[in-house]
């Protein structure tokens, strides 16, 4: 940061937990609750999680029991996608446009 170091999110959450005497509930990826809540609002049908990170986006989809596609615009390579634990992405594309145009 230009004006010095700032505490990370985990440090801030822990400070609030200690001050309140309560435990935080994580809803961000790779925890599946965010996806499960979205699916509840969408209703019946199929869903596909599209993301650019294996450790957050693809992992969250797996925990929510839905398929995931990986776009290589962020933090992952084809080699990492191939080496990822099961369930693997159902599709891998260089960009979102490439994924849609398949």
Protein backbone atom coordinates (compact mmCIF):
# COMPACT_ATOMS: atom_id res chain seq x y z
CA UNK A 1 0.00 0.00 0.00
CA UNK A 2 1.31 3.49 -0.73
CA UNK A 3 0.85 4.60 2.86
CA UNK A 4 2.26 1.48 4.51
CA UNK A 5 1.17 -2.03 5.37
CA UNK A 6 -2.47 -2.80 6.08
CA UNK A 7 -3.69 -5.85 8.02
CA UNK A 8 -5.07 -8.70 5.94
CA UNK A 9 -8.73 -9.71 5.95
CA UNK A 10 -8.06 -12.71 8.19
CA UNK A 11 -6.47 -10.50 10.86
CA UNK A 12 -9.44 -8.13 10.81
CA UNK A 13 -11.96 -10.97 11.01
CA UNK A 14 -10.09 -12.49 13.93
CA UNK A 15 -10.05 -9.15 15.76
CA UNK A 16 -13.83 -8.86 15.37
CA UNK A 17 -14.26 -12.48 16.55
CA UNK A 18 -12.21 -11.83 19.69
CA UNK A 19 -13.95 -8.53 20.41
CA UNK A 20 -17.44 -9.99 19.91
CA UNK A 21 -16.86 -13.44 21.37
CA UNK A 22 -18.47 -14.91 18.23
CA UNK A 23 -17.10 -17.02 15.39
CA UNK A 24 -17.34 -15.68 11.85
CA UNK A 25 -19.07 -17.67 9.12
CA UNK A 26 -17.13 -17.60 5.86
CA UNK A 27 -19.33 -17.23 2.78
CA UNK A 28 -16.66 -16.44 0.19
CA UNK A 29 -15.09 -18.92 -2.20
CA UNK A 30 -14.04 -21.69 -1.87
CA UNK A 31 -16.85 -22.16 0.65
CA UNK A 32 -20.01 -23.21 -1.24
CA UNK A 33 -22.61 -21.10 0.61
CA UNK A 34 -22.50 -18.21 -1.87
CA UNK A 35 -23.24 -20.59 -4.76
CA UNK A 36 -25.88 -22.51 -2.81
CA UNK A 37 -27.69 -19.25 -2.00
CA UNK A 38 -27.61 -18.22 -5.67
CA UNK A 39 -28.95 -21.61 -6.75
CA UNK A 40 -31.79 -21.34 -4.22
CA UNK A 41 -32.79 -18.00 -5.73
CA UNK A 42 -32.51 -19.24 -9.32
CA UNK A 43 -34.67 -22.29 -8.71
CA UNK A 44 -34.72 -25.54 -10.68
CA UNK A 45 -32.34 -26.09 -13.59
CA UNK A 46 -28.73 -26.65 -14.44
CA UNK A 47 -25.93 -24.35 -13.36
CA UNK A 48 -22.33 -23.86 -14.43
CA UNK A 49 -19.74 -22.00 -12.38
CA UNK A 50 -17.27 -20.16 -14.58
CA UNK A 51 -14.07 -18.95 -13.00
CA UNK A 52 -10.39 -18.35 -13.52
CA UNK A 53 -8.99 -19.91 -10.34
CA UNK A 54 -8.85 -23.58 -9.48
CA UNK A 55 -8.36 -23.13 -5.72
CA UNK A 56 -11.37 -20.85 -5.27
CA UNK A 57 -13.82 -20.93 -8.18
CA UNK A 58 -13.51 -24.57 -9.25
CA UNK A 59 -13.22 -25.75 -5.64
CA UNK A 60 -16.37 -23.83 -4.64
CA UNK A 61 -18.31 -25.39 -7.53
CA UNK A 62 -17.18 -28.86 -6.49
CA UNK A 63 -18.29 -28.24 -2.89
CA UNK A 64 -21.68 -27.00 -4.18
CA UNK A 65 -21.98 -30.11 -6.41
CA UNK A 66 -22.21 -28.24 -9.70
CA UNK A 67 -20.09 -28.30 -12.85
CA UNK A 68 -17.38 -25.71 -13.40
CA UNK A 69 -15.57 -24.29 -16.41
CA UNK A 70 -12.15 -22.67 -16.22
CA UNK A 71 -11.09 -19.65 -18.26
CA UNK A 72 -7.36 -19.03 -18.47
CA UNK A 73 -7.58 -15.27 -17.95
CA UNK A 74 -6.41 -15.29 -14.35
CA UNK A 75 -4.45 -17.50 -12.07
CA UNK A 76 -4.42 -20.91 -13.78
CA UNK A 77 -2.83 -22.72 -16.71
CA UNK A 78 -3.98 -25.68 -18.80
CA UNK A 79 -1.36 -27.80 -17.09
CA UNK A 80 -2.71 -26.89 -13.66
CA UNK A 81 -6.25 -27.63 -14.82
CA UNK A 82 -5.17 -31.07 -16.02
CA UNK A 83 -3.41 -31.72 -12.70
CA UNK A 84 -6.28 -30.41 -10.56
CA UNK A 85 -8.00 -32.82 -8.18
CA UNK A 86 -11.34 -34.31 -9.17
CA UNK A 87 -13.82 -33.11 -10.05
CA UNK A 88 -11.96 -31.34 -12.84
CA UNK A 89 -13.43 -28.47 -14.85
CA UNK A 90 -15.86 -29.68 -17.53
CA UNK A 91 -14.30 -27.19 -19.97
CA UNK A 92 -11.15 -25.10 -20.20
CA UNK A 93 -10.92 -22.09 -22.52
CA UNK A 94 -8.50 -19.25 -23.09
CA UNK A 95 -11.21 -16.60 -22.60
CA UNK A 96 -14.88 -16.37 -21.70
CA UNK A 97 -15.67 -15.66 -25.37
CA UNK A 98 -13.88 -18.87 -26.38
CA UNK A 99 -15.94 -20.79 -23.84
CA UNK A 100 -19.24 -19.37 -25.12
CA UNK A 101 -18.39 -19.91 -28.78
CA UNK A 102 -17.78 -23.65 -28.35
